[in-house]
PDB file of N, CA and C in Angstrom:
ATOM      1  N   UNK A   1     -19.311  15.922 -21.158  1.00  0.00           N
ATOM      2  CA  UNK A   1     -17.712  16.219 -20.786  1.00  0.00           C
ATOM      3  C   UNK A   1     -17.531  15.582 -19.131  1.00  0.00           C
ATOM      4  N   UNK A   2     -17.355  14.426 -18.907  1.00  0.00           N
ATOM      5  CA  UNK A   2     -17.091  13.526 -17.577  1.00  0.00           C
ATOM      6  C   UNK A   2     -15.767  13.977 -16.935  1.00  0.00           C
ATOM      7  N   UNK A   3     -15.598  13.884 -15.410  1.00  0.00           N
ATOM      8  CA  UNK A   3     -14.383  14.017 -14.744  1.00  0.00           C
ATOM      9  C   UNK A   3     -13.683  12.913 -15.316  1.00  0.00           C
ATOM     10  N   UNK A   4     -12.183  12.950 -15.206  1.00  0.00           N
ATOM     11  CA  UNK A   4     -11.043  11.768 -15.460  1.00  0.00           C
ATOM     12  C   UNK A   4     -11.076  10.809 -14.587  1.00  0.00           C
ATOM     13  N   UNK A   5     -10.763   9.922 -14.471  1.00  0.00           N
ATOM     14  CA  UNK A   5     -10.459   8.723 -13.443  1.00  0.00           C
ATOM     15  C   UNK A   5      -9.119   9.235 -12.836  1.00  0.00           C
ATOM     16  N   UNK A   6      -9.079   9.381 -11.500  1.00  0.00           N
ATOM     17  CA  UNK A   6      -7.824   9.906 -10.927  1.00  0.00           C
ATOM     18  C   UNK A   6      -6.574   9.088 -10.854  1.00  0.00           C
ATOM     19  N   UNK A   7      -6.858   7.736 -11.412  1.00  0.00           N
ATOM     20  CA  UNK A   7      -5.859   6.755 -11.416  1.00  0.00           C
ATOM     21  C   UNK A   7      -5.277   6.824 -12.859  1.00  0.00           C
ATOM     22  N   UNK A   8      -5.920   6.460 -13.819  1.00  0.00           N
ATOM     23  CA  UNK A   8      -5.696   6.276 -15.446  1.00  0.00           C
ATOM     24  C   UNK A   8      -6.087   7.312 -16.417  1.00  0.00           C
ATOM     25  N   UNK A   9      -6.944   8.205 -15.754  1.00  0.00           N
ATOM     26  CA  UNK A   9      -7.278   9.498 -16.796  1.00  0.00           C
ATOM     27  C   UNK A   9      -8.349   9.315 -17.705  1.00  0.00           C
ATOM     28  N   UNK A  10      -8.917   8.000 -17.652  1.00  0.00           N
ATOM     29  CA  UNK A  10      -9.959   7.627 -18.433  1.00  0.00           C
ATOM     30  C   UNK A  10     -11.655   8.559 -18.278  1.00  0.00           C
ATOM     31  N   UNK A  11     -11.892   8.981 -19.038  1.00  0.00           N
ATOM     32  CA  UNK A  11     -13.373   9.600 -18.518  1.00  0.00           C
ATOM     33  C   UNK A  11     -14.314   8.685 -17.813  1.00  0.00           C
ATOM     34  N   UNK A  12     -15.185   9.362 -16.896  1.00  0.00           N
ATOM     35  CA  UNK A  12     -15.859   8.564 -15.999  1.00  0.00           C
ATOM     36  C   UNK A  12     -17.420   9.046 -16.413  1.00  0.00           C
ATOM     37  N   UNK A  13     -17.784   8.968 -17.624  1.00  0.00           N
ATOM     38  CA  UNK A  13     -18.962   9.508 -17.771  1.00  0.00           C
ATOM     39  C   UNK A  13     -20.110   7.927 -17.696  1.00  0.00           C
ATOM     40  N   UNK A  14     -19.521   7.076 -17.602  1.00  0.00           N
ATOM     41  CA  UNK A  14     -20.435   5.916 -17.585  1.00  0.00           C
ATOM     42  C   UNK A  14     -20.391   5.474 -15.796  1.00  0.00           C
ATOM     43  N   UNK A  15     -19.653   6.169 -15.271  1.00  0.00           N
ATOM     44  CA  UNK A  15     -19.604   5.927 -13.777  1.00  0.00           C
ATOM     45  C   UNK A  15     -20.549   6.549 -12.900  1.00  0.00           C
ATOM     46  N   UNK A  16     -21.436   6.039 -11.938  1.00  0.00           N
ATOM     47  CA  UNK A  16     -22.310   6.892 -11.153  1.00  0.00           C
ATOM     48  C   UNK A  16     -21.634   7.868 -10.212  1.00  0.00           C
ATOM     49  N   UNK A  17     -20.494   7.488  -9.556  1.00  0.00           N
ATOM     50  CA  UNK A  17     -20.050   8.433  -8.688  1.00  0.00           C
ATOM     51  C   UNK A  17     -18.505   8.738  -8.982  1.00  0.00           C
ATOM     52  N   UNK A  18     -17.925   9.671  -8.488  1.00  0.00           N
ATOM     53  CA  UNK A  18     -16.239  10.037  -8.855  1.00  0.00           C
ATOM     54  C   UNK A  18     -15.644   9.023  -8.021  1.00  0.00           C
ATOM     55  N   UNK A  19     -14.525   8.772  -8.621  1.00  0.00           N
ATOM     56  CA  UNK A  19     -13.462   7.719  -7.995  1.00  0.00           C
ATOM     57  C   UNK A  19     -12.672   7.181  -8.803  1.00  0.00           C
ATOM     58  N   UNK A  20     -12.189   5.916  -8.800  1.00  0.00           N
ATOM     59  CA  UNK A  20     -11.403   5.266  -9.690  1.00  0.00           C
ATOM     60  C   UNK A  20     -12.611   4.570 -10.576  1.00  0.00           C
ATOM     61  N   UNK A  21     -12.048   4.402 -12.060  1.00  0.00           N
ATOM     62  CA  UNK A  21     -13.125   3.854 -12.738  1.00  0.00           C
ATOM     63  C   UNK A  21     -13.152   2.385 -12.602  1.00  0.00           C
ATOM     64  N   UNK A  22     -14.144   1.621 -12.965  1.00  0.00           N
ATOM     65  CA  UNK A  22     -14.342   0.049 -12.841  1.00  0.00           C
ATOM     66  C   UNK A  22     -13.153  -0.745 -13.204  1.00  0.00           C
ATOM     67  N   UNK A  23     -12.387  -0.529 -14.289  1.00  0.00           N
ATOM     68  CA  UNK A  23     -11.313  -1.246 -14.598  1.00  0.00           C
ATOM     69  C   UNK A  23     -10.028  -1.096 -13.687  1.00  0.00           C
ATOM     70  N   UNK A  24      -9.824   0.189 -13.179  1.00  0.00           N
ATOM     71  CA  UNK A  24      -9.171   0.121 -12.031  1.00  0.00           C
ATOM     72  C   UNK A  24      -9.337  -0.452 -10.496  1.00  0.00           C
ATOM     73  N   UNK A  25     -10.589  -0.231 -10.390  1.00  0.00           N
ATOM     74  CA  UNK A  25     -10.678  -0.959  -9.307  1.00  0.00           C
ATOM     75  C   UNK A  25     -10.754  -2.250  -9.265  1.00  0.00           C
ATOM     76  N   UNK A  26     -10.795  -2.977 -10.318  1.00  0.00           N
ATOM     77  CA  UNK A  26     -10.750  -4.557 -10.439  1.00  0.00           C
ATOM     78  C   UNK A  26      -9.546  -4.491 -10.422  1.00  0.00           C
ATOM     79  N   UNK A  27      -8.423  -4.073 -10.873  1.00  0.00           N
ATOM     80  CA  UNK A  27      -7.024  -4.294 -10.961  1.00  0.00           C
ATOM     81  C   UNK A  27      -6.673  -4.180  -9.389  1.00  0.00           C
ATOM     82  N   UNK A  28      -7.052  -3.174  -9.005  1.00  0.00           N
ATOM     83  CA  UNK A  28      -6.650  -2.781  -7.576  1.00  0.00           C
ATOM     84  C   UNK A  28      -6.953  -3.879  -6.367  1.00  0.00           C
ATOM     85  N   UNK A  29      -8.124  -4.470  -6.565  1.00  0.00           N
ATOM     86  CA  UNK A  29      -8.693  -5.481  -5.965  1.00  0.00           C
ATOM     87  C   UNK A  29      -8.072  -6.916  -5.887  1.00  0.00           C
ATOM     88  N   UNK A  30      -7.644  -7.155  -7.237  1.00  0.00           N
ATOM     89  CA  UNK A  30      -6.934  -8.327  -7.443  1.00  0.00           C
ATOM     90  C   UNK A  30      -5.414  -8.052  -7.289  1.00  0.00           C
ATOM     91  N   UNK A  31      -4.906  -7.052  -7.113  1.00  0.00           N
ATOM     92  CA  UNK A  31      -3.612  -6.707  -6.818  1.00  0.00           C
ATOM     93  C   UNK A  31      -3.224  -6.484  -5.275  1.00  0.00           C
ATOM     94  N   UNK A  32      -4.155  -5.883  -4.831  1.00  0.00           N
ATOM     95  CA  UNK A  32      -3.883  -5.724  -3.074  1.00  0.00           C
ATOM     96  C   UNK A  32      -5.243  -6.381  -2.339  1.00  0.00           C
ATOM     97  N   UNK A  33      -5.016  -7.760  -2.648  1.00  0.00           N
ATOM     98  CA  UNK A  33      -6.250  -8.261  -2.000  1.00  0.00           C
ATOM     99  C   UNK A  33      -6.021  -8.817  -0.541  1.00  0.00           C
ATOM    100  N   UNK A  34      -6.908  -8.555   0.247  1.00  0.00           N
ATOM    101  CA  UNK A  34      -6.642  -8.550   1.809  1.00  0.00           C
ATOM    102  C   UNK A  34      -6.778  -9.923   2.275  1.00  0.00           C
ATOM    103  N   UNK A  35      -5.694 -10.925   2.404  1.00  0.00           N
ATOM    104  CA  UNK A  35      -5.942 -12.153   2.839  1.00  0.00           C
ATOM    105  C   UNK A  35      -5.486 -12.123   4.338  1.00  0.00           C
ATOM    106  N   UNK A  36      -6.577 -12.927   4.823  1.00  0.00           N
ATOM    107  CA  UNK A  36      -6.565 -12.896   6.386  1.00  0.00           C
ATOM    108  C   UNK A  36      -5.629 -13.689   7.044  1.00  0.00           C
ATOM    109  N   UNK A  37      -5.039 -13.422   8.171  1.00  0.00           N
ATOM    110  CA  UNK A  37      -3.899 -14.464   8.556  1.00  0.00           C
ATOM    111  C   UNK A  37      -3.929 -14.212  10.429  1.00  0.00           C
ATOM    112  N   UNK A  38      -3.535 -15.405  10.934  1.00  0.00           N
ATOM    113  CA  UNK A  38      -3.651 -15.367  12.288  1.00  0.00           C
ATOM    114  C   UNK A  38      -2.482 -14.819  12.810  1.00  0.00           C
ATOM    115  N   UNK A  39      -2.732 -13.656  13.572  1.00  0.00           N
ATOM    116  CA  UNK A  39      -1.623 -13.055  14.288  1.00  0.00           C
ATOM    117  C   UNK A  39      -1.776 -13.248  15.923  1.00  0.00           C
ATOM    118  N   UNK A  40      -0.440 -14.051  16.368  1.00  0.00           N
ATOM    119  CA  UNK A  40      -0.326 -14.111  17.721  1.00  0.00           C
ATOM    120  C   UNK A  40       0.328 -12.811  18.565  1.00  0.00           C
ATOM    121  N   UNK A  41      -0.591 -12.438  19.587  1.00  0.00           N
ATOM    122  CA  UNK A  41      -0.199 -11.313  20.322  1.00  0.00           C
ATOM    123  C   UNK A  41      -0.065 -11.725  21.586  1.00  0.00           C
ATOM    124  N   UNK A  42       0.938 -11.235  22.436  1.00  0.00           N
ATOM    125  CA  UNK A  42       1.278 -11.517  23.601  1.00  0.00           C
ATOM    126  C   UNK A  42       0.044 -11.101  24.808  1.00  0.00           C
ATOM    127  N   UNK A  43      -0.048 -11.780  25.824  1.00  0.00           N
ATOM    128  CA  UNK A  43      -1.158 -11.417  26.870  1.00  0.00           C
ATOM    129  C   UNK A  43      -0.795 -10.138  27.251  1.00  0.00           C
ATOM    130  N   UNK A  44      -1.890  -9.479  27.642  1.00  0.00           N
ATOM    131  CA  UNK A  44      -1.550  -8.116  28.235  1.00  0.00           C
ATOM    132  C   UNK A  44      -1.205  -8.199  29.795  1.00  0.00           C
ATOM    133  N   UNK A  45      -0.482  -7.610  29.854  1.00  0.00           N
ATOM    134  CA  UNK A  45       0.204  -7.422  31.460  1.00  0.00           C
ATOM    135  C   UNK A  45       0.012  -5.964  31.925  1.00  0.00           C
ATOM    136  N   UNK A  46      -0.550  -5.404  32.696  1.00  0.00           N
ATOM    137  CA  UNK A  46      -0.493  -4.071  33.024  1.00  0.00           C
ATOM    138  C   UNK A  46       0.883  -3.400  33.690  1.00  0.00           C
ATOM    139  N   UNK A  47       1.115  -2.190  33.420  1.00  0.00           N
ATOM    140  CA  UNK A  47       2.313  -1.828  34.141  1.00  0.00           C
ATOM    141  C   UNK A  47       2.218  -1.592  35.658  1.00  0.00           C
ATOM    142  N   UNK A  48       3.063  -2.016  36.461  1.00  0.00           N
ATOM    143  CA  UNK A  48       2.898  -1.752  37.528  1.00  0.00           C
ATOM    144  C   UNK A  48       3.857  -0.278  38.602  1.00  0.00           C
ATOM    145  N   UNK A  49       3.451   0.727  37.748  1.00  0.00           N
ATOM    146  CA  UNK A  49       4.435   2.023  37.868  1.00  0.00           C
ATOM    147  C   UNK A  49       3.652   2.951  39.193  1.00  0.00           C
ATOM    148  N   UNK A  50       2.363   2.449  39.560  1.00  0.00           N
ATOM    149  CA  UNK A  50       1.785   3.248  40.555  1.00  0.00           C
ATOM    150  C   UNK A  50       1.899   2.104  42.043  1.00  0.00           C
ATOM    151  N   UNK A  51       2.372   2.889  43.008  1.00  0.00           N
ATOM    152  CA  UNK A  51       2.236   2.030  44.322  1.00  0.00           C
ATOM    153  C   UNK A  51       0.858   2.160  45.017  1.00  0.00           C
ATOM    154  N   UNK A  52       0.372   1.104  45.419  1.00  0.00           N
ATOM    155  CA  UNK A  52      -0.967   1.035  45.965  1.00  0.00           C
ATOM    156  C   UNK A  52      -1.058   2.012  47.244  1.00  0.00           C
ATOM    157  N   UNK A  53      -2.105   2.829  47.500  1.00  0.00           N
ATOM    158  CA  UNK A  53      -2.338   3.372  48.567  1.00  0.00           C
ATOM    159  C   UNK A  53      -2.177   2.711  50.062  1.00  0.00           C
ATOM    160  N   UNK A  54      -1.518   3.358  50.792  1.00  0.00           N
ATOM    161  CA  UNK A  54      -1.140   2.573  52.033  1.00  0.00           C
ATOM    162  C   UNK A  54      -2.527   2.590  53.032  1.00  0.00           C
ATOM    163  N   UNK A  55      -3.446   3.440  52.824  1.00  0.00           N
ATOM    164  CA  UNK A  55      -4.706   3.390  53.680  1.00  0.00           C
ATOM    165  C   UNK A  55      -5.513   2.174  53.020  1.00  0.00           C
ATOM    166  N   UNK A  56      -5.627   2.162  51.653  1.00  0.00           N
ATOM    167  CA  UNK A  56      -6.747   1.425  50.871  1.00  0.00           C
ATOM    168  C   UNK A  56      -5.952  -0.384  51.131  1.00  0.00           C
ATOM    169  N   UNK A  57      -4.545  -0.286  51.337  1.00  0.00           N
ATOM    170  CA  UNK A  57      -4.158  -1.850  51.511  1.00  0.00           C
ATOM    171  C   UNK A  57      -3.972  -1.995  53.103  1.00  0.00           C
ATOM    172  N   UNK A  58      -4.411  -1.236  53.845  1.00  0.00           N
ATOM    173  CA  UNK A  58      -4.302  -1.206  55.372  1.00  0.00           C
ATOM    174  C   UNK A  58      -5.339  -2.460  55.988  1.00  0.00           C
ATOM    175  N   UNK A  59      -4.952  -3.338  56.696  1.00  0.00           N
ATOM    176  CA  UNK A  59      -5.784  -4.194  57.205  1.00  0.00           C
ATOM    177  C   UNK A  59      -6.488  -4.067  58.496  1.00  0.00           C
TER     178      UNK A  59
END
């Protein structure tokens, strides 16, 4: 008596590890394939909420 697949309930006797069965894993990979895409991100600009130390900026 094997554990059931958490997704479809089919017995996992032929599977090596507990998790979704190989049929569900194949279906999930085809449905939710991660296609890479380029994302444009604005250049990082640090916040200027700290005033410079008067002694450090003294010339």
